[in-house]
């Protein structure tokens, strides 16, 4: 259902862009539409204006319909990654989930990163300078 509406929406968008580009500008210098043809320039303007209006109405209708369909599916999928976060900030993190900000992992758990190792080295004190070779 959504795919069909999206395809119709895209066809309306392409037709709307084409109808707007064909119209004559206010100054008349940039317009593509000419005076020669089976319709007068005034009749062509009326047809293009009405066509643009119908296409714009179709565009708004399909946009609203797609918005309603997207909001109806919101209950099935999580709307934010914050919904998956642990409830308490001080609660221990289970494997595979990130720890809370400011929480330090227990030693020997394998969750220490490079920054944790650097902090541990700073707490131990400066290392002896290496001898040049």
C-alpha atoms as a PDB file:
ATOM      1  CA  UNK A   1       0.000   0.000   0.000  1.00  0.00           C
ATOM      2  CA  UNK A   2       2.715   2.461   0.978  1.00  0.00           C
ATOM      3  CA  UNK A   3       4.786   1.597  -2.082  1.00  0.00           C
ATOM      4  CA  UNK A   4       1.885   2.342  -4.413  1.00  0.00           C
ATOM      5  CA  UNK A   5       1.251   5.696  -2.741  1.00  0.00           C
ATOM      6  CA  UNK A   6       4.954   6.576  -2.882  1.00  0.00           C
ATOM      7  CA  UNK A   7       5.061   5.782  -6.626  1.00  0.00           C
ATOM      8  CA  UNK A   8       1.947   7.905  -7.241  1.00  0.00           C
ATOM      9  CA  UNK A   9       3.475  10.675  -5.101  1.00  0.00           C
ATOM     10  CA  UNK A  10       6.689  10.641  -7.145  1.00  0.00           C
ATOM     11  CA  UNK A  11       4.771  10.733 -10.443  1.00  0.00           C
ATOM     12  CA  UNK A  12       2.783  13.732  -9.191  1.00  0.00           C
ATOM     13  CA  UNK A  13       5.996  15.463  -8.110  1.00  0.00           C
ATOM     14  CA  UNK A  14       7.614  14.975 -11.527  1.00  0.00           C
ATOM     15  CA  UNK A  15       4.478  16.207 -13.318  1.00  0.00           C
ATOM     16  CA  UNK A  16       4.227  19.203 -10.970  1.00  0.00           C
ATOM     17  CA  UNK A  17       7.831  20.210 -11.600  1.00  0.00           C
ATOM     18  CA  UNK A  18       7.270  19.882 -15.344  1.00  0.00           C
ATOM     19  CA  UNK A  19       4.063  21.955 -15.230  1.00  0.00           C
ATOM     20  CA  UNK A  20       5.764  24.709 -13.260  1.00  0.00           C
ATOM     21  CA  UNK A  21       8.755  24.809 -15.607  1.00  0.00           C
ATOM     22  CA  UNK A  22       6.563  25.034 -18.709  1.00  0.00           C
ATOM     23  CA  UNK A  23       4.644  28.053 -17.424  1.00  0.00           C
ATOM     24  CA  UNK A  24       5.516  31.496 -18.667  1.00  0.00           C
ATOM     25  CA  UNK A  25       7.159  33.780 -16.123  1.00  0.00           C
ATOM     26  CA  UNK A  26       5.680  37.105 -15.040  1.00  0.00           C
ATOM     27  CA  UNK A  27       8.118  39.070 -17.188  1.00  0.00           C
ATOM     28  CA  UNK A  28       7.767  36.685 -20.098  1.00  0.00           C
ATOM     29  CA  UNK A  29      11.517  36.621 -20.758  1.00  0.00           C
ATOM     30  CA  UNK A  30      12.255  33.260 -19.154  1.00  0.00           C
ATOM     31  CA  UNK A  31       9.182  31.272 -20.173  1.00  0.00           C
ATOM     32  CA  UNK A  32       9.423  28.245 -22.450  1.00  0.00           C
ATOM     33  CA  UNK A  33       5.831  28.330 -23.666  1.00  0.00           C
ATOM     34  CA  UNK A  34       5.460  30.157 -26.960  1.00  0.00           C
ATOM     35  CA  UNK A  35       2.642  31.929 -28.728  1.00  0.00           C
ATOM     36  CA  UNK A  36       2.351  29.541 -31.674  1.00  0.00           C
ATOM     37  CA  UNK A  37       0.199  26.459 -31.306  1.00  0.00           C
ATOM     38  CA  UNK A  38      -3.361  25.232 -31.448  1.00  0.00           C
ATOM     39  CA  UNK A  39      -4.206  27.105 -28.260  1.00  0.00           C
ATOM     40  CA  UNK A  40      -3.856  30.780 -27.598  1.00  0.00           C
ATOM     41  CA  UNK A  41      -1.299  31.875 -25.017  1.00  0.00           C
ATOM     42  CA  UNK A  42      -4.114  32.854 -22.649  1.00  0.00           C
ATOM     43  CA  UNK A  43      -5.804  29.469 -23.003  1.00  0.00           C
ATOM     44  CA  UNK A  44      -2.504  27.680 -22.418  1.00  0.00           C
ATOM     45  CA  UNK A  45      -1.921  29.731 -19.278  1.00  0.00           C
ATOM     46  CA  UNK A  46      -5.342  28.772 -17.937  1.00  0.00           C
ATOM     47  CA  UNK A  47      -4.767  25.064 -18.645  1.00  0.00           C
ATOM     48  CA  UNK A  48      -1.321  25.133 -17.045  1.00  0.00           C
ATOM     49  CA  UNK A  49      -2.616  27.047 -14.032  1.00  0.00           C
ATOM     50  CA  UNK A  50      -5.431  24.565 -13.489  1.00  0.00           C
ATOM     51  CA  UNK A  51      -3.098  21.608 -14.058  1.00  0.00           C
ATOM     52  CA  UNK A  52      -0.646  23.020 -11.515  1.00  0.00           C
ATOM     53  CA  UNK A  53      -3.472  23.481  -9.033  1.00  0.00           C
ATOM     54  CA  UNK A  54      -4.714  19.901  -9.433  1.00  0.00           C
ATOM     55  CA  UNK A  55      -1.194  18.508  -9.187  1.00  0.00           C
ATOM     56  CA  UNK A  56      -0.513  20.608  -6.080  1.00  0.00           C
ATOM     57  CA  UNK A  57      -3.710  19.306  -4.471  1.00  0.00           C
ATOM     58  CA  UNK A  58      -2.662  15.736  -5.318  1.00  0.00           C
ATOM     59  CA  UNK A  59       0.787  16.402  -3.888  1.00  0.00           C
ATOM     60  CA  UNK A  60      -0.656  17.641  -0.583  1.00  0.00           C
ATOM     61  CA  UNK A  61      -3.138  14.768  -0.408  1.00  0.00           C
ATOM     62  CA  UNK A  62      -0.479  12.091  -0.971  1.00  0.00           C
ATOM     63  CA  UNK A  63       1.880  13.848   1.460  1.00  0.00           C
ATOM     64  CA  UNK A  64      -0.771  13.847   4.171  1.00  0.00           C
ATOM     65  CA  UNK A  65      -1.673  10.228   3.461  1.00  0.00           C
ATOM     66  CA  UNK A  66       1.976   9.150   3.677  1.00  0.00           C
ATOM     67  CA  UNK A  67       2.327  11.076   6.937  1.00  0.00           C
ATOM     68  CA  UNK A  68      -0.717   9.368   8.429  1.00  0.00           C
ATOM     69  CA  UNK A  69       0.562   5.946   7.341  1.00  0.00           C
ATOM     70  CA  UNK A  70       3.993   6.665   8.838  1.00  0.00           C
ATOM     71  CA  UNK A  71       2.499   7.743  12.165  1.00  0.00           C
ATOM     72  CA  UNK A  72       0.299   4.638  12.332  1.00  0.00           C
ATOM     73  CA  UNK A  73       3.402   2.422  12.109  1.00  0.00           C
ATOM     74  CA  UNK A  74       5.163   4.321  14.892  1.00  0.00           C
ATOM     75  CA  UNK A  75       3.845   1.970  17.594  1.00  0.00           C
ATOM     76  CA  UNK A  76       5.447  -1.053  15.905  1.00  0.00           C
ATOM     77  CA  UNK A  77       8.984   0.315  15.778  1.00  0.00           C
ATOM     78  CA  UNK A  78      10.933   2.227  18.424  1.00  0.00           C
ATOM     79  CA  UNK A  79      10.804   5.920  17.689  1.00  0.00           C
ATOM     80  CA  UNK A  80      14.132   6.717  19.303  1.00  0.00           C
ATOM     81  CA  UNK A  81      17.315   4.988  20.296  1.00  0.00           C
ATOM     82  CA  UNK A  82      16.875   6.542  23.732  1.00  0.00           C
ATOM     83  CA  UNK A  83      13.939   4.186  24.299  1.00  0.00           C
ATOM     84  CA  UNK A  84      16.424   1.310  24.406  1.00  0.00           C
ATOM     85  CA  UNK A  85      18.643   2.940  27.077  1.00  0.00           C
ATOM     86  CA  UNK A  86      18.830   1.379  30.573  1.00  0.00           C
ATOM     87  CA  UNK A  87      16.286   2.773  33.034  1.00  0.00           C
ATOM     88  CA  UNK A  88      18.668   3.765  35.852  1.00  0.00           C
ATOM     89  CA  UNK A  89      21.888   5.663  35.208  1.00  0.00           C
ATOM     90  CA  UNK A  90      23.783   3.756  37.911  1.00  0.00           C
ATOM     91  CA  UNK A  91      22.506   0.321  36.869  1.00  0.00           C
ATOM     92  CA  UNK A  92      25.156  -2.115  35.668  1.00  0.00           C
ATOM     93  CA  UNK A  93      25.215  -2.499  31.919  1.00  0.00           C
ATOM     94  CA  UNK A  94      24.533  -5.875  30.401  1.00  0.00           C
ATOM     95  CA  UNK A  95      26.976  -7.170  27.784  1.00  0.00           C
ATOM     96  CA  UNK A  96      26.351  -5.540  24.431  1.00  0.00           C
ATOM     97  CA  UNK A  97      24.840  -2.338  25.817  1.00  0.00           C
ATOM     98  CA  UNK A  98      26.824   0.833  26.431  1.00  0.00           C
ATOM     99  CA  UNK A  99      27.558   1.886  29.994  1.00  0.00           C
ATOM    100  CA  UNK A 100      26.014   4.989  31.477  1.00  0.00           C
ATOM    101  CA  UNK A 101      28.042   8.210  31.136  1.00  0.00           C
ATOM    102  CA  UNK A 102      30.557   8.584  33.929  1.00  0.00           C
ATOM    103  CA  UNK A 103      30.370   4.915  34.939  1.00  0.00           C
ATOM    104  CA  UNK A 104      33.714   3.122  35.219  1.00  0.00           C
ATOM    105  CA  UNK A 105      33.895  -0.543  34.285  1.00  0.00           C
ATOM    106  CA  UNK A 106      35.015  -3.037  36.873  1.00  0.00           C
ATOM    107  CA  UNK A 107      38.644  -4.154  36.520  1.00  0.00           C
ATOM    108  CA  UNK A 108      39.074  -7.352  34.582  1.00  0.00           C
ATOM    109  CA  UNK A 109      35.740  -7.123  32.760  1.00  0.00           C
ATOM    110  CA  UNK A 110      37.354  -6.424  29.403  1.00  0.00           C
ATOM    111  CA  UNK A 111      35.401  -3.189  28.926  1.00  0.00           C
ATOM    112  CA  UNK A 112      38.379  -0.879  29.449  1.00  0.00           C
ATOM    113  CA  UNK A 113      39.326   1.091  26.381  1.00  0.00           C
ATOM    114  CA  UNK A 114      42.462   2.958  25.433  1.00  0.00           C
ATOM    115  CA  UNK A 115      41.459   5.982  27.484  1.00  0.00           C
ATOM    116  CA  UNK A 116      40.907   3.805  30.565  1.00  0.00           C
ATOM    117  CA  UNK A 117      44.379   2.301  30.162  1.00  0.00           C
ATOM    118  CA  UNK A 118      45.927   5.765  29.848  1.00  0.00           C
ATOM    119  CA  UNK A 119      44.131   6.914  32.989  1.00  0.00           C
ATOM    120  CA  UNK A 120      45.454   3.884  34.887  1.00  0.00           C
ATOM    121  CA  UNK A 121      49.002   4.636  33.727  1.00  0.00           C
ATOM    122  CA  UNK A 122      48.694   8.249  34.891  1.00  0.00           C
ATOM    123  CA  UNK A 123      47.457   7.143  38.308  1.00  0.00           C
ATOM    124  CA  UNK A 124      50.448   4.785  38.711  1.00  0.00           C
ATOM    125  CA  UNK A 125      52.875   7.635  38.195  1.00  0.00           C
ATOM    126  CA  UNK A 126      55.354   8.582  35.507  1.00  0.00           C
ATOM    127  CA  UNK A 127      57.286   5.751  33.918  1.00  0.00           C
ATOM    128  CA  UNK A 128      61.068   5.728  33.892  1.00  0.00           C
ATOM    129  CA  UNK A 129      62.564   7.294  30.757  1.00  0.00           C
ATOM    130  CA  UNK A 130      63.635   4.814  28.125  1.00  0.00           C
ATOM    131  CA  UNK A 131      67.295   4.549  27.175  1.00  0.00           C
ATOM    132  CA  UNK A 132      68.094   5.655  23.627  1.00  0.00           C
ATOM    133  CA  UNK A 133      69.450   2.947  21.369  1.00  0.00           C
END
